[in-house]
Amino acid sequence: MGNLFSSRAPVDMSGPVAQFVRDTIASDKVVIFSKTYCPYCQMAKEQFRKLAQDFTSIELETRDDGAEIQDVLGEITGARTVPRVFVNGQFIGGGTDVKKMASNGSLQQMLA
């Protein structure tokens, strides 16, 4: 009968795409895995712009390995949705989470 939950192959967490994701997360204080047309991605980026905080943004739909990157992010964070936002190597959530953190001051504390 096959797997009812997924037709995807298992995610290779030791392969080059997973290594790229880990290296990217470690490469900057703020890393956002995003899609250019996603309003929640724009919401997340806007919070960092308001705080004059630089960030690295990986636009998944512009990459040939974007779907595989999303699979790896799903393994790391529990979901494939974008944005996937990391601060100091730690996953902090998506667009709504980042906006909430910015409004209650916890995002600024993480960036300090």
C-alpha atoms as a PDB file:
ATOM      1  CA  MET A   1       0.000   0.000   0.000  1.00  0.00           C
ATOM      2  CA  GLY A   2       2.901   2.370   0.537  1.00  0.00           C
ATOM      3  CA  ASN A   3       3.356   5.206   2.958  1.00  0.00           C
ATOM      4  CA  LEU A   4       0.175   7.233   3.325  1.00  0.00           C
ATOM      5  CA  PHE A   5       1.985  10.208   4.830  1.00  0.00           C
ATOM      6  CA  SER A   6       4.652  10.977   2.283  1.00  0.00           C
ATOM      7  CA  SER A   7       5.923   9.954  -1.109  1.00  0.00           C
ATOM      8  CA  ARG A   8       9.188  11.783  -0.421  1.00  0.00           C
ATOM      9  CA  ALA A   9      12.449   9.970   0.065  1.00  0.00           C
ATOM     10  CA  PRO A  10      14.011  10.194   3.534  1.00  0.00           C
ATOM     11  CA  VAL A  11      15.933  13.401   4.104  1.00  0.00           C
ATOM     12  CA  ASP A  12      19.711  13.013   3.853  1.00  0.00           C
ATOM     13  CA  MET A  13      20.867  14.878   6.963  1.00  0.00           C
ATOM     14  CA  SER A  14      24.520  14.016   6.261  1.00  0.00           C
ATOM     15  CA  GLY A  15      24.506  15.154   2.630  1.00  0.00           C
ATOM     16  CA  PRO A  16      25.724  18.388   1.048  1.00  0.00           C
ATOM     17  CA  VAL A  17      22.366  20.196   1.234  1.00  0.00           C
ATOM     18  CA  ALA A  18      22.046  19.533   4.971  1.00  0.00           C
ATOM     19  CA  GLN A  19      25.646  20.703   5.411  1.00  0.00           C
ATOM     20  CA  PHE A  20      24.856  23.877   3.424  1.00  0.00           C
ATOM     21  CA  VAL A  21      21.884  24.561   5.722  1.00  0.00           C
ATOM     22  CA  ARG A  22      23.978  24.039   8.879  1.00  0.00           C
ATOM     23  CA  ASP A  23      26.851  26.152   7.517  1.00  0.00           C
ATOM     24  CA  THR A  24      24.469  28.926   6.471  1.00  0.00           C
ATOM     25  CA  ILE A  25      22.747  29.004   9.872  1.00  0.00           C
ATOM     26  CA  ALA A  26      26.179  29.317  11.502  1.00  0.00           C
ATOM     27  CA  SER A  27      27.413  31.968   9.042  1.00  0.00           C
ATOM     28  CA  ASP A  28      25.486  34.991  10.320  1.00  0.00           C
ATOM     29  CA  LYS A  29      23.751  36.271  13.437  1.00  0.00           C
ATOM     30  CA  VAL A  30      20.378  36.265  11.613  1.00  0.00           C
ATOM     31  CA  VAL A  31      19.515  33.815   8.828  1.00  0.00           C
ATOM     32  CA  ILE A  32      16.126  33.688   7.114  1.00  0.00           C
ATOM     33  CA  PHE A  33      15.120  30.876   4.768  1.00  0.00           C
ATOM     34  CA  SER A  34      12.523  32.591   2.650  1.00  0.00           C
ATOM     35  CA  LYS A  35      10.622  32.871  -0.621  1.00  0.00           C
ATOM     36  CA  THR A  36      10.552  36.245  -2.332  1.00  0.00           C
ATOM     37  CA  TYR A  37       6.751  36.257  -2.813  1.00  0.00           C
ATOM     38  CA  CYS A  38       5.856  35.106   0.738  1.00  0.00           C
ATOM     39  CA  PRO A  39       4.135  37.811   2.843  1.00  0.00           C
ATOM     40  CA  TYR A  40       5.199  36.164   6.126  1.00  0.00           C
ATOM     41  CA  CYS A  41       8.802  36.205   4.915  1.00  0.00           C
ATOM     42  CA  GLN A  42       8.483  39.925   4.198  1.00  0.00           C
ATOM     43  CA  MET A  43       6.974  40.412   7.677  1.00  0.00           C
ATOM     44  CA  ALA A  44       9.962  38.694   9.296  1.00  0.00           C
ATOM     45  CA  LYS A  45      12.532  40.654   7.249  1.00  0.00           C
ATOM     46  CA  GLU A  46      10.764  43.931   8.030  1.00  0.00           C
ATOM     47  CA  GLN A  47      11.264  43.412  11.788  1.00  0.00           C
ATOM     48  CA  PHE A  48      15.036  43.089  11.311  1.00  0.00           C
ATOM     49  CA  ARG A  49      15.109  46.095   8.953  1.00  0.00           C
ATOM     50  CA  LYS A  50      13.299  48.215  11.573  1.00  0.00           C
ATOM     51  CA  LEU A  51      15.993  47.213  14.075  1.00  0.00           C
ATOM     52  CA  ALA A  52      18.759  47.962  11.529  1.00  0.00           C
ATOM     53  CA  GLN A  53      19.904  44.340  11.902  1.00  0.00           C
ATOM     54  CA  ASP A  54      21.642  42.794   8.907  1.00  0.00           C
ATOM     55  CA  PHE A  55      20.539  39.299   7.949  1.00  0.00           C
ATOM     56  CA  THR A  56      21.291  36.568   5.444  1.00  0.00           C
ATOM     57  CA  SER A  57      18.290  35.609   3.352  1.00  0.00           C
ATOM     58  CA  ILE A  58      18.186  32.407   1.309  1.00  0.00           C
ATOM     59  CA  GLU A  59      15.399  32.668  -1.289  1.00  0.00           C
ATOM     60  CA  LEU A  60      14.409  29.053  -1.814  1.00  0.00           C
ATOM     61  CA  GLU A  61      12.420  29.408  -5.042  1.00  0.00           C
ATOM     62  CA  THR A  62      15.498  30.831  -6.797  1.00  0.00           C
ATOM     63  CA  ARG A  63      17.578  27.712  -6.058  1.00  0.00           C
ATOM     64  CA  ASP A  64      17.561  24.313  -7.744  1.00  0.00           C
ATOM     65  CA  ASP A  65      17.896  22.664  -4.321  1.00  0.00           C
ATOM     66  CA  GLY A  66      15.187  24.802  -2.664  1.00  0.00           C
ATOM     67  CA  ALA A  67      12.778  21.894  -2.058  1.00  0.00           C
ATOM     68  CA  GLU A  68      15.576  19.790  -0.578  1.00  0.00           C
ATOM     69  CA  ILE A  69      16.601  22.699   1.672  1.00  0.00           C
ATOM     70  CA  GLN A  70      12.981  22.891   2.865  1.00  0.00           C
ATOM     71  CA  ASP A  71      13.054  19.149   3.617  1.00  0.00           C
ATOM     72  CA  VAL A  72      16.217  19.615   5.704  1.00  0.00           C
ATOM     73  CA  LEU A  73      14.647  22.591   7.511  1.00  0.00           C
ATOM     74  CA  GLY A  74      11.612  20.404   8.197  1.00  0.00           C
ATOM     75  CA  GLU A  75      13.861  17.875   9.917  1.00  0.00           C
ATOM     76  CA  ILE A  76      15.669  20.572  11.922  1.00  0.00           C
ATOM     77  CA  THR A  77      12.670  22.715  12.896  1.00  0.00           C
ATOM     78  CA  GLY A  78       9.645  20.420  12.633  1.00  0.00           C
ATOM     79  CA  ALA A  79       8.067  22.245   9.683  1.00  0.00           C
ATOM     80  CA  ARG A  80       8.868  23.032   6.047  1.00  0.00           C
ATOM     81  CA  THR A  81       6.970  26.330   5.945  1.00  0.00           C
ATOM     82  CA  VAL A  82       8.772  29.604   5.305  1.00  0.00           C
ATOM     83  CA  PRO A  83      10.111  31.730   6.702  1.00  0.00           C
ATOM     84  CA  ARG A  84      12.375  29.671   8.927  1.00  0.00           C
ATOM     85  CA  VAL A  85      14.227  32.274  11.014  1.00  0.00           C
ATOM     86  CA  PHE A  86      17.407  31.608  12.998  1.00  0.00           C
ATOM     87  CA  VAL A  87      19.113  33.978  15.431  1.00  0.00           C
ATOM     88  CA  ASN A  88      22.540  33.042  16.805  1.00  0.00           C
ATOM     89  CA  GLY A  89      22.078  29.558  15.329  1.00  0.00           C
ATOM     90  CA  GLN A  90      18.786  29.017  17.156  1.00  0.00           C
ATOM     91  CA  PHE A  91      15.471  28.539  15.348  1.00  0.00           C
ATOM     92  CA  ILE A  92      13.041  31.213  16.587  1.00  0.00           C
ATOM     93  CA  GLY A  93      10.023  30.609  14.346  1.00  0.00           C
ATOM     94  CA  GLY A  94       8.277  32.174  11.377  1.00  0.00           C
ATOM     95  CA  GLY A  95       6.987  35.611  10.415  1.00  0.00           C
ATOM     96  CA  THR A  96       4.312  35.958  13.089  1.00  0.00           C
ATOM     97  CA  ASP A  97       6.687  34.683  15.781  1.00  0.00           C
ATOM     98  CA  VAL A  98       9.354  37.217  14.807  1.00  0.00           C
ATOM     99  CA  LYS A  99       6.844  40.089  14.723  1.00  0.00           C
ATOM    100  CA  LYS A 100       5.537  39.109  18.184  1.00  0.00           C
ATOM    101  CA  MET A 101       9.106  38.893  19.550  1.00  0.00           C
ATOM    102  CA  ALA A 102       9.919  42.327  18.105  1.00  0.00           C
ATOM    103  CA  SER A 103       6.837  43.872  19.709  1.00  0.00           C
ATOM    104  CA  ASN A 104       7.508  42.377  23.163  1.00  0.00           C
ATOM    105  CA  GLY A 105      11.242  43.210  23.102  1.00  0.00           C
ATOM    106  CA  SER A 106      12.563  39.639  23.217  1.00  0.00           C
ATOM    107  CA  LEU A 107      13.952  39.855  19.667  1.00  0.00           C
ATOM    108  CA  GLN A 108      15.984  42.943  20.559  1.00  0.00           C
ATOM    109  CA  GLN A 109      17.367  41.100  23.613  1.00  0.00           C
ATOM    110  CA  MET A 110      18.459  38.167  21.431  1.00  0.00           C
ATOM    111  CA  LEU A 111      20.248  40.548  19.072  1.00  0.00           C
ATOM    112  CA  ALA A 112      22.015  42.539  21.779  1.00  0.00           C
END
